[in-house]
Amino acid sequence: MQIVFVSPDGSERGITVREGMSIMAAATSNGIGGIVGECGGNAMCATCHVYISDQRLPSVSEEEDELLEGTADERTLESRLGCQIRLTGDLDGLRVRLPGRQV
């Protein structure tokens, strides 16, 4: 499956990922800058903050919602934690915007 990362400057990079990976793991394993993932995907640090405007995503959990309050860049209605979104075939073609800063 494919997902596209969009940098703050508007440049895009599409990557092929395997189903079941998190957005954070897909980014870090493919050298996508802009996602830190300090806690390794354990929903403890908010350094995998991304912006996604796609209705196919699962709802934000209470834990994710709390962590999104501590993001380094502005939280918006499109804010999500990349470690909390597992990539499924239903999300093929997902576009993920990266924030200007994580820490």
PDB file of N, CA and C in Angstrom:
ATOM      1  N   MET A   1       0.832  -1.181   0.000  1.00  0.00           N
ATOM      2  CA  MET A   1       0.000   0.000   0.000  1.00  0.00           C
ATOM      3  C   MET A   1       0.877   1.245   0.000  1.00  0.00           C
ATOM      4  N   GLN A   2       0.334   2.343  -0.416  1.00  0.00           N
ATOM      5  CA  GLN A   2       1.064   3.603  -0.529  1.00  0.00           C
ATOM      6  C   GLN A   2       0.507   4.644   0.432  1.00  0.00           C
ATOM      7  N   ILE A   3       1.411   5.455   0.997  1.00  0.00           N
ATOM      8  CA  ILE A   3       1.005   6.662   1.710  1.00  0.00           C
ATOM      9  C   ILE A   3       1.929   7.787   1.261  1.00  0.00           C
ATOM     10  N   VAL A   4       1.470   9.005   1.394  1.00  0.00           N
ATOM     11  CA  VAL A   4       2.228  10.177   0.966  1.00  0.00           C
ATOM     12  C   VAL A   4       2.445  11.090   2.162  1.00  0.00           C
ATOM     13  N   PHE A   5       3.706  11.465   2.388  1.00  0.00           N
ATOM     14  CA  PHE A   5       4.048  12.431   3.430  1.00  0.00           C
ATOM     15  C   PHE A   5       4.267  13.780   2.771  1.00  0.00           C
ATOM     16  N   VAL A   6       3.660  14.806   3.329  1.00  0.00           N
ATOM     17  CA  VAL A   6       3.768  16.162   2.793  1.00  0.00           C
ATOM     18  C   VAL A   6       4.511  17.008   3.826  1.00  0.00           C
ATOM     19  N   SER A   7       5.674  17.522   3.442  1.00  0.00           N
ATOM     20  CA  SER A   7       6.492  18.354   4.323  1.00  0.00           C
ATOM     21  C   SER A   7       5.887  19.743   4.470  1.00  0.00           C
ATOM     22  N   PRO A   8       6.289  20.480   5.504  1.00  0.00           N
ATOM     23  CA  PRO A   8       5.774  21.842   5.687  1.00  0.00           C
ATOM     24  C   PRO A   8       6.016  22.751   4.478  1.00  0.00           C
ATOM     25  N   ASP A   9       7.067  22.467   3.695  1.00  0.00           N
ATOM     26  CA  ASP A   9       7.344  23.289   2.515  1.00  0.00           C
ATOM     27  C   ASP A   9       6.524  22.872   1.298  1.00  0.00           C
ATOM     28  N   GLY A  10       5.677  21.847   1.457  1.00  0.00           N
ATOM     29  CA  GLY A  10       4.817  21.401   0.371  1.00  0.00           C
ATOM     30  C   GLY A  10       5.375  20.260  -0.451  1.00  0.00           C
ATOM     31  N   SER A  11       6.645  19.909  -0.247  1.00  0.00           N
ATOM     32  CA  SER A  11       7.202  18.789  -0.999  1.00  0.00           C
ATOM     33  C   SER A  11       6.572  17.484  -0.511  1.00  0.00           C
ATOM     34  N   GLU A  12       6.463  16.541  -1.424  1.00  0.00           N
ATOM     35  CA  GLU A  12       5.796  15.280  -1.121  1.00  0.00           C
ATOM     36  C   GLU A  12       6.721  14.096  -1.365  1.00  0.00           C
ATOM     37  N   ARG A  13       6.497  13.049  -0.563  1.00  0.00           N
ATOM     38  CA  ARG A  13       7.241  11.805  -0.761  1.00  0.00           C
ATOM     39  C   ARG A  13       6.298  10.640  -0.510  1.00  0.00           C
ATOM     40  N   GLY A  14       6.063   9.861  -1.544  1.00  0.00           N
ATOM     41  CA  GLY A  14       5.235   8.675  -1.423  1.00  0.00           C
ATOM     42  C   GLY A  14       6.096   7.475  -1.087  1.00  0.00           C
ATOM     43  N   ILE A  15       5.599   6.623  -0.207  1.00  0.00           N
ATOM     44  CA  ILE A  15       6.326   5.407   0.151  1.00  0.00           C
ATOM     45  C   ILE A  15       5.370   4.222   0.132  1.00  0.00           C
ATOM     46  N   THR A  16       5.945   3.054  -0.075  1.00  0.00           N
ATOM     47  CA  THR A  16       5.193   1.810   0.005  1.00  0.00           C
ATOM     48  C   THR A  16       5.410   1.232   1.387  1.00  0.00           C
ATOM     49  N   VAL A  17       4.339   0.870   2.056  1.00  0.00           N
ATOM     50  CA  VAL A  17       4.420   0.330   3.415  1.00  0.00           C
ATOM     51  C   VAL A  17       3.619  -0.956   3.492  1.00  0.00           C
ATOM     52  N   ARG A  18       3.945  -1.751   4.486  1.00  0.00           N
ATOM     53  CA  ARG A  18       3.172  -2.972   4.679  1.00  0.00           C
ATOM     54  C   ARG A  18       2.000  -2.695   5.616  1.00  0.00           C
ATOM     55  N   GLU A  19       0.950  -3.391   5.373  1.00  0.00           N
ATOM     56  CA  GLU A  19      -0.245  -3.242   6.199  1.00  0.00           C
ATOM     57  C   GLU A  19       0.077  -3.591   7.651  1.00  0.00           C
ATOM     58  N   GLY A  20      -0.520  -2.846   8.573  1.00  0.00           N
ATOM     59  CA  GLY A  20      -0.329  -3.093   9.992  1.00  0.00           C
ATOM     60  C   GLY A  20       0.690  -2.190  10.655  1.00  0.00           C
ATOM     61  N   MET A  21       1.555  -1.539   9.866  1.00  0.00           N
ATOM     62  CA  MET A  21       2.526  -0.596  10.426  1.00  0.00           C
ATOM     63  C   MET A  21       1.802   0.648  10.902  1.00  0.00           C
ATOM     64  N   SER A  22       2.385   1.319  11.880  1.00  0.00           N
ATOM     65  CA  SER A  22       1.856   2.618  12.265  1.00  0.00           C
ATOM     66  C   SER A  22       2.437   3.671  11.329  1.00  0.00           C
ATOM     67  N   ILE A  23       1.805   4.823  11.268  1.00  0.00           N
ATOM     68  CA  ILE A  23       2.338   5.919  10.465  1.00  0.00           C
ATOM     69  C   ILE A  23       3.724   6.301  10.977  1.00  0.00           C
ATOM     70  N   MET A  24       3.905   6.324  12.298  1.00  0.00           N
ATOM     71  CA  MET A  24       5.202   6.670  12.874  1.00  0.00           C
ATOM     72  C   MET A  24       6.276   5.681  12.437  1.00  0.00           C
ATOM     73  N   ALA A  25       6.003   4.382  12.520  1.00  0.00           N
ATOM     74  CA  ALA A  25       6.980   3.364  12.121  1.00  0.00           C
ATOM     75  C   ALA A  25       7.273   3.444  10.626  1.00  0.00           C
ATOM     76  N   ALA A  26       6.255   3.698   9.831  1.00  0.00           N
ATOM     77  CA  ALA A  26       6.457   3.826   8.381  1.00  0.00           C
ATOM     78  C   ALA A  26       7.387   4.997   8.078  1.00  0.00           C
ATOM     79  N   ALA A  27       7.188   6.107   8.773  1.00  0.00           N
ATOM     80  CA  ALA A  27       8.019   7.291   8.547  1.00  0.00           C
ATOM     81  C   ALA A  27       9.453   7.064   9.003  1.00  0.00           C
ATOM     82  N   THR A  28       9.634   6.587  10.215  1.00  0.00           N
ATOM     83  CA  THR A  28      10.994   6.436  10.746  1.00  0.00           C
ATOM     84  C   THR A  28      11.776   5.359  10.000  1.00  0.00           C
ATOM     85  N   SER A  29      11.120   4.290   9.571  1.00  0.00           N
ATOM     86  CA  SER A  29      11.838   3.226   8.859  1.00  0.00           C
ATOM     87  C   SER A  29      12.144   3.590   7.407  1.00  0.00           C
ATOM     88  N   ASN A  30      11.528   4.656   6.911  1.00  0.00           N
ATOM     89  CA  ASN A  30      11.777   5.100   5.532  1.00  0.00           C
ATOM     90  C   ASN A  30      12.500   6.441   5.466  1.00  0.00           C
ATOM     91  N   GLY A  31      13.051   6.891   6.590  1.00  0.00           N
ATOM     92  CA  GLY A  31      13.845   8.109   6.601  1.00  0.00           C
ATOM     93  C   GLY A  31      13.060   9.380   6.347  1.00  0.00           C
ATOM     94  N   ILE A  32      11.792   9.388   6.717  1.00  0.00           N
ATOM     95  CA  ILE A  32      10.974  10.593   6.572  1.00  0.00           C
ATOM     96  C   ILE A  32      11.312  11.530   7.722  1.00  0.00           C
ATOM     97  N   GLY A  33      11.850  12.689   7.410  1.00  0.00           N
ATOM     98  CA  GLY A  33      12.143  13.666   8.448  1.00  0.00           C
ATOM     99  C   GLY A  33      10.863  14.298   8.962  1.00  0.00           C
ATOM    100  N   GLY A  34      10.884  14.768  10.191  1.00  0.00           N
ATOM    101  CA  GLY A  34       9.721  15.460  10.724  1.00  0.00           C
ATOM    102  C   GLY A  34       8.916  14.643  11.707  1.00  0.00           C
ATOM    103  N   ILE A  35       9.246  13.370  11.838  1.00  0.00           N
ATOM    104  CA  ILE A  35       8.610  12.531  12.861  1.00  0.00           C
ATOM    105  C   ILE A  35       9.726  11.973  13.720  1.00  0.00           C
ATOM    106  N   VAL A  36       9.679  12.271  15.013  1.00  0.00           N
ATOM    107  CA  VAL A  36      10.742  11.867  15.932  1.00  0.00           C
ATOM    108  C   VAL A  36      10.433  10.521  16.569  1.00  0.00           C
ATOM    109  N   GLY A  37       9.281  10.388  17.188  1.00  0.00           N
ATOM    110  CA  GLY A  37       8.908   9.141  17.838  1.00  0.00           C
ATOM    111  C   GLY A  37       9.807   8.788  19.009  1.00  0.00           C
ATOM    112  N   GLU A  38      10.057   9.769  19.883  1.00  0.00           N
ATOM    113  CA  GLU A  38      10.964   9.577  21.020  1.00  0.00           C
ATOM    114  C   GLU A  38      10.602   8.377  21.891  1.00  0.00           C
ATOM    115  N   CYS A  39       9.330   8.108  22.078  1.00  0.00           N
ATOM    116  CA  CYS A  39       8.919   7.021  22.978  1.00  0.00           C
ATOM    117  C   CYS A  39       8.813   5.681  22.261  1.00  0.00           C
ATOM    118  N   GLY A  40       9.144   5.651  20.976  1.00  0.00           N
ATOM    119  CA  GLY A  40       9.101   4.397  20.235  1.00  0.00           C
ATOM    120  C   GLY A  40       7.705   3.918  19.886  1.00  0.00           C
ATOM    121  N   GLY A  41       6.744   4.792  19.947  1.00  0.00           N
ATOM    122  CA  GLY A  41       5.386   4.427  19.562  1.00  0.00           C
ATOM    123  C   GLY A  41       4.515   3.971  20.704  1.00  0.00           C
ATOM    124  N   ASN A  42       4.859   4.348  21.911  1.00  0.00           N
ATOM    125  CA  ASN A  42       4.108   3.930  23.092  1.00  0.00           C
ATOM    126  C   ASN A  42       3.100   4.967  23.579  1.00  0.00           C
ATOM    127  N   ALA A  43       2.785   5.939  22.759  1.00  0.00           N
ATOM    128  CA  ALA A  43       1.803   6.988  23.092  1.00  0.00           C
ATOM    129  C   ALA A  43       2.146   7.687  24.395  1.00  0.00           C
ATOM    130  N   MET A  44       3.395   8.171  24.474  1.00  0.00           N
ATOM    131  CA  MET A  44       3.828   8.846  25.690  1.00  0.00           C
ATOM    132  C   MET A  44       4.481  10.202  25.441  1.00  0.00           C
ATOM    133  N   CYS A  45       4.747  10.573  24.175  1.00  0.00           N
ATOM    134  CA  CYS A  45       5.557  11.776  23.978  1.00  0.00           C
ATOM    135  C   CYS A  45       4.997  12.795  22.985  1.00  0.00           C
ATOM    136  N   ALA A  46       4.142  12.420  22.084  1.00  0.00           N
ATOM    137  CA  ALA A  46       3.546  13.311  21.070  1.00  0.00           C
ATOM    138  C   ALA A  46       4.546  13.838  20.053  1.00  0.00           C
ATOM    139  N   THR A  47       5.705  13.172  19.883  1.00  0.00           N
ATOM    140  CA  THR A  47       6.672  13.630  18.871  1.00  0.00           C
ATOM    141  C   THR A  47       6.466  12.930  17.522  1.00  0.00           C
ATOM    142  N   CYS A  48       5.292  12.343  17.348  1.00  0.00           N
ATOM    143  CA  CYS A  48       4.908  11.791  16.040  1.00  0.00           C
ATOM    144  C   CYS A  48       3.619  12.473  15.564  1.00  0.00           C
ATOM    145  N   HIS A  49       3.430  13.698  16.045  1.00  0.00           N
ATOM    146  CA  HIS A  49       2.261  14.505  15.686  1.00  0.00           C
ATOM    147  C   HIS A  49       2.228  14.721  14.178  1.00  0.00           C
ATOM    148  N   VAL A  50       1.071  14.488  13.570  1.00  0.00           N
ATOM    149  CA  VAL A  50       0.872  14.711  12.137  1.00  0.00           C
ATOM    150  C   VAL A  50      -0.499  15.340  11.933  1.00  0.00           C
ATOM    151  N   TYR A  51      -0.730  15.824  10.730  1.00  0.00           N
ATOM    152  CA  TYR A  51      -2.032  16.374  10.348  1.00  0.00           C
ATOM    153  C   TYR A  51      -2.607  15.506   9.233  1.00  0.00           C
ATOM    154  N   ILE A  52      -3.832  15.049   9.435  1.00  0.00           N
ATOM    155  CA  ILE A  52      -4.487  14.217   8.428  1.00  0.00           C
ATOM    156  C   ILE A  52      -5.940  14.650   8.316  1.00  0.00           C
ATOM    157  N   SER A  53      -6.339  14.973   7.103  1.00  0.00           N
ATOM    158  CA  SER A  53      -7.743  15.345   6.868  1.00  0.00           C
ATOM    159  C   SER A  53      -8.376  14.243   6.018  1.00  0.00           C
ATOM    160  N   ASP A  54      -8.635  13.128   6.639  1.00  0.00           N
ATOM    161  CA  ASP A  54      -9.190  11.975   5.933  1.00  0.00           C
ATOM    162  C   ASP A  54     -10.238  11.329   6.821  1.00  0.00           C
ATOM    163  N   GLN A  55     -11.424  11.175   6.311  1.00  0.00           N
ATOM    164  CA  GLN A  55     -12.528  10.636   7.098  1.00  0.00           C
ATOM    165  C   GLN A  55     -12.422   9.127   7.343  1.00  0.00           C
ATOM    166  N   ARG A  56     -11.457   8.464   6.707  1.00  0.00           N
ATOM    167  CA  ARG A  56     -11.315   7.016   6.875  1.00  0.00           C
ATOM    168  C   ARG A  56     -10.616   6.627   8.174  1.00  0.00           C
ATOM    169  N   LEU A  57     -10.085   7.585   8.903  1.00  0.00           N
ATOM    170  CA  LEU A  57      -9.335   7.291  10.122  1.00  0.00           C
ATOM    171  C   LEU A  57     -10.242   6.843  11.260  1.00  0.00           C
ATOM    172  N   PRO A  58      -9.701   6.002  12.147  1.00  0.00           N
ATOM    173  CA  PRO A  58     -10.463   5.675  13.356  1.00  0.00           C
ATOM    174  C   PRO A  58     -10.563   6.907  14.246  1.00  0.00           C
ATOM    175  N   SER A  59     -11.489   6.903  15.146  1.00  0.00           N
ATOM    176  CA  SER A  59     -11.677   8.031  16.071  1.00  0.00           C
ATOM    177  C   SER A  59     -10.474   8.182  16.990  1.00  0.00           C
ATOM    178  N   VAL A  60     -10.279   9.392  17.487  1.00  0.00           N
ATOM    179  CA  VAL A  60      -9.212   9.693  18.440  1.00  0.00           C
ATOM    180  C   VAL A  60      -9.587   9.091  19.791  1.00  0.00           C
ATOM    181  N   SER A  61      -8.666   8.320  20.367  1.00  0.00           N
ATOM    182  CA  SER A  61      -8.916   7.752  21.693  1.00  0.00           C
ATOM    183  C   SER A  61      -8.726   8.833  22.756  1.00  0.00           C
ATOM    184  N   GLU A  62      -9.197   8.568  23.950  1.00  0.00           N
ATOM    185  CA  GLU A  62      -9.040   9.518  25.049  1.00  0.00           C
ATOM    186  C   GLU A  62      -7.558   9.763  25.343  1.00  0.00           C
ATOM    187  N   GLU A  63      -6.761   8.701  25.319  1.00  0.00           N
ATOM    188  CA  GLU A  63      -5.316   8.814  25.572  1.00  0.00           C
ATOM    189  C   GLU A  63      -4.638   9.678  24.507  1.00  0.00           C
ATOM    190  N   GLU A  64      -4.971   9.435  23.249  1.00  0.00           N
ATOM    191  CA  GLU A  64      -4.395  10.227  22.162  1.00  0.00           C
ATOM    192  C   GLU A  64      -4.823  11.687  22.282  1.00  0.00           C
ATOM    193  N   ASP A  65      -6.074  11.917  22.596  1.00  0.00           N
ATOM    194  CA  ASP A  65      -6.591  13.272  22.743  1.00  0.00           C
ATOM    195  C   ASP A  65      -5.809  14.040  23.813  1.00  0.00           C
ATOM    196  N   GLU A  66      -5.532  13.395  24.935  1.00  0.00           N
ATOM    197  CA  GLU A  66      -4.764  14.037  26.006  1.00  0.00           C
ATOM    198  C   GLU A  66      -3.350  14.377  25.556  1.00  0.00           C
ATOM    199  N   LEU A  67      -2.696  13.457  24.866  1.00  0.00           N
ATOM    200  CA  LEU A  67      -1.325  13.707  24.409  1.00  0.00           C
ATOM    201  C   LEU A  67      -1.263  14.812  23.361  1.00  0.00           C
ATOM    202  N   LEU A  68      -2.279  14.920  22.546  1.00  0.00           N
ATOM    203  CA  LEU A  68      -2.297  15.962  21.520  1.00  0.00           C
ATOM    204  C   LEU A  68      -2.320  17.362  22.125  1.00  0.00           C
ATOM    205  N   GLU A  69      -2.680  17.478  23.384  1.00  0.00           N
ATOM    206  CA  GLU A  69      -2.646  18.780  24.058  1.00  0.00           C
ATOM    207  C   GLU A  69      -1.208  19.269  24.251  1.00  0.00           C
ATOM    208  N   GLY A  70      -0.232  18.365  24.171  1.00  0.00           N
ATOM    209  CA  GLY A  70       1.156  18.737  24.418  1.00  0.00           C
ATOM    210  C   GLY A  70       2.040  18.753  23.187  1.00  0.00           C
ATOM    211  N   THR A  71       1.463  18.917  22.009  1.00  0.00           N
ATOM    212  CA  THR A  71       2.278  18.927  20.796  1.00  0.00           C
ATOM    213  C   THR A  71       3.089  20.218  20.688  1.00  0.00           C
ATOM    214  N   ALA A  72       4.259  20.114  20.069  1.00  0.00           N
ATOM    215  CA  ALA A  72       5.130  21.281  19.915  1.00  0.00           C
ATOM    216  C   ALA A  72       4.567  22.269  18.897  1.00  0.00           C
ATOM    217  N   ASP A  73       3.940  21.748  17.847  1.00  0.00           N
ATOM    218  CA  ASP A  73       3.338  22.605  16.834  1.00  0.00           C
ATOM    219  C   ASP A  73       1.831  22.683  17.106  1.00  0.00           C
ATOM    220  N   GLU A  74       1.174  23.618  16.491  1.00  0.00           N
ATOM    221  CA  GLU A  74      -0.238  23.871  16.752  1.00  0.00           C
ATOM    222  C   GLU A  74      -1.103  22.631  16.578  1.00  0.00           C
ATOM    223  N   ARG A  75      -1.969  22.397  17.540  1.00  0.00           N
ATOM    224  CA  ARG A  75      -2.958  21.331  17.422  1.00  0.00           C
ATOM    225  C   ARG A  75      -4.146  21.876  16.644  1.00  0.00           C
ATOM    226  N   THR A  76      -4.625  21.082  15.692  1.00  0.00           N
ATOM    227  CA  THR A  76      -5.809  21.452  14.920  1.00  0.00           C
ATOM    228  C   THR A  76      -6.797  20.283  14.947  1.00  0.00           C
ATOM    229  N   LEU A  77      -7.913  20.444  14.279  1.00  0.00           N
ATOM    230  CA  LEU A  77      -8.880  19.358  14.171  1.00  0.00           C
ATOM    231  C   LEU A  77      -8.327  18.182  13.373  1.00  0.00           C
ATOM    232  N   GLU A  78      -7.262  18.412  12.611  1.00  0.00           N
ATOM    233  CA  GLU A  78      -6.636  17.356  11.812  1.00  0.00           C
ATOM    234  C   GLU A  78      -5.461  16.697  12.523  1.00  0.00           C
ATOM    235  N   SER A  79      -5.150  17.127  13.750  1.00  0.00           N
ATOM    236  CA  SER A  79      -4.008  16.593  14.494  1.00  0.00           C
ATOM    237  C   SER A  79      -4.252  15.155  14.931  1.00  0.00           C
ATOM    238  N   ARG A  80      -3.240  14.322  14.717  1.00  0.00           N
ATOM    239  CA  ARG A  80      -3.259  12.935  15.168  1.00  0.00           C
ATOM    240  C   ARG A  80      -1.852  12.547  15.585  1.00  0.00           C
ATOM    241  N   LEU A  81      -1.741  11.454  16.322  1.00  0.00           N
ATOM    242  CA  LEU A  81      -0.440  10.881  16.654  1.00  0.00           C
ATOM    243  C   LEU A  81      -0.190   9.727  15.696  1.00  0.00           C
ATOM    244  N   GLY A  82       0.931   9.796  14.992  1.00  0.00           N
ATOM    245  CA  GLY A  82       1.244   8.771  14.004  1.00  0.00           C
ATOM    246  C   GLY A  82       1.389   7.381  14.583  1.00  0.00           C
ATOM    247  N   CYS A  83       1.772   7.287  15.846  1.00  0.00           N
ATOM    248  CA  CYS A  83       1.934   5.964  16.467  1.00  0.00           C
ATOM    249  C   CYS A  83       0.603   5.289  16.744  1.00  0.00           C
ATOM    250  N   GLN A  84      -0.476   6.043  16.739  1.00  0.00           N
ATOM    251  CA  GLN A  84      -1.785   5.494  17.079  1.00  0.00           C
ATOM    252  C   GLN A  84      -2.621   5.109  15.867  1.00  0.00           C
ATOM    253  N   ILE A  85      -2.086   5.297  14.671  1.00  0.00           N
ATOM    254  CA  ILE A  85      -2.835   4.961  13.462  1.00  0.00           C
ATOM    255  C   ILE A  85      -2.125   3.825  12.745  1.00  0.00           C
ATOM    256  N   ARG A  86      -2.762   2.667  12.730  1.00  0.00           N
ATOM    257  CA  ARG A  86      -2.253   1.492  12.015  1.00  0.00           C
ATOM    258  C   ARG A  86      -2.753   1.561  10.577  1.00  0.00           C
ATOM    259  N   LEU A  87      -1.853   1.304   9.656  1.00  0.00           N
ATOM    260  CA  LEU A  87      -2.176   1.395   8.240  1.00  0.00           C
ATOM    261  C   LEU A  87      -2.842   0.105   7.767  1.00  0.00           C
ATOM    262  N   THR A  88      -4.018   0.251   7.220  1.00  0.00           N
ATOM    263  CA  THR A  88      -4.772  -0.873   6.678  1.00  0.00           C
ATOM    264  C   THR A  88      -5.034  -0.606   5.208  1.00  0.00           C
ATOM    265  N   GLY A  89      -5.476  -1.613   4.496  1.00  0.00           N
ATOM    266  CA  GLY A  89      -5.797  -1.452   3.082  1.00  0.00           C
ATOM    267  C   GLY A  89      -6.805  -0.350   2.838  1.00  0.00           C
ATOM    268  N   ASP A  90      -7.668  -0.116   3.817  1.00  0.00           N
ATOM    269  CA  ASP A  90      -8.671   0.955   3.698  1.00  0.00           C
ATOM    270  C   ASP A  90      -8.029   2.335   3.647  1.00  0.00           C
ATOM    271  N   LEU A  91      -6.775   2.451   4.103  1.00  0.00           N
ATOM    272  CA  LEU A  91      -6.095   3.747   4.146  1.00  0.00           C
ATOM    273  C   LEU A  91      -5.092   3.924   3.009  1.00  0.00           C
ATOM    274  N   ASP A  92      -5.124   3.038   2.017  1.00  0.00           N
ATOM    275  CA  ASP A  92      -4.216   3.159   0.881  1.00  0.00           C
ATOM    276  C   ASP A  92      -4.372   4.537   0.254  1.00  0.00           C
ATOM    277  N   GLY A  93      -3.234   5.185  -0.020  1.00  0.00           N
ATOM    278  CA  GLY A  93      -3.245   6.516  -0.612  1.00  0.00           C
ATOM    279  C   GLY A  93      -3.345   7.647   0.394  1.00  0.00           C
ATOM    280  N   LEU A  94      -3.295   7.332   1.685  1.00  0.00           N
ATOM    281  CA  LEU A  94      -3.421   8.339   2.739  1.00  0.00           C
ATOM    282  C   LEU A  94      -2.367   9.437   2.580  1.00  0.00           C
ATOM    283  N   ARG A  95      -2.770  10.673   2.787  1.00  0.00           N
ATOM    284  CA  ARG A  95      -1.867  11.820   2.745  1.00  0.00           C
ATOM    285  C   ARG A  95      -1.663  12.314   4.173  1.00  0.00           C
ATOM    286  N   VAL A  96      -0.400  12.405   4.585  1.00  0.00           N
ATOM    287  CA  VAL A  96      -0.035  12.765   5.944  1.00  0.00           C
ATOM    288  C   VAL A  96       0.800  14.034   5.899  1.00  0.00           C
ATOM    289  N   ARG A  97       0.286  15.121   6.468  1.00  0.00           N
ATOM    290  CA  ARG A  97       1.042  16.376   6.510  1.00  0.00           C
ATOM    291  C   ARG A  97       1.885  16.414   7.786  1.00  0.00           C
ATOM    292  N   LEU A  98       3.135  16.819   7.637  1.00  0.00           N
ATOM    293  CA  LEU A  98       4.056  16.895   8.757  1.00  0.00           C
ATOM    294  C   LEU A  98       4.053  18.310   9.344  1.00  0.00           C
ATOM    295  N   PRO A  99       4.136  18.420  10.662  1.00  0.00           N
ATOM    296  CA  PRO A  99       4.193  19.747  11.288  1.00  0.00           C
ATOM    297  C   PRO A  99       5.567  20.385  11.098  1.00  0.00           C
ATOM    298  N   GLY A 100       5.654  21.660  11.391  1.00  0.00           N
ATOM    299  CA  GLY A 100       6.914  22.382  11.262  1.00  0.00           C
ATOM    300  C   GLY A 100       7.942  21.978  12.319  1.00  0.00           C
ATOM    301  N   ARG A 101       7.451  21.500  13.471  1.00  0.00           N
ATOM    302  CA  ARG A 101       8.381  21.064  14.535  1.00  0.00           C
ATOM    303  C   ARG A 101       7.693  20.032  15.402  1.00  0.00           C
ATOM    304  N   GLN A 102       8.517  19.197  16.049  1.00  0.00           N
ATOM    305  CA  GLN A 102       8.010  18.156  16.941  1.00  0.00           C
ATOM    306  C   GLN A 102       8.426  18.392  18.397  1.00  0.00           C
ATOM    307  N   VAL A 103       9.554  19.022  18.591  1.00  0.00           N
ATOM    308  CA  VAL A 103      10.043  19.234  19.961  1.00  0.00           C
ATOM    309  C   VAL A 103      10.374  20.701  20.170  1.00  0.00           C
TER     310      VAL A 103
END
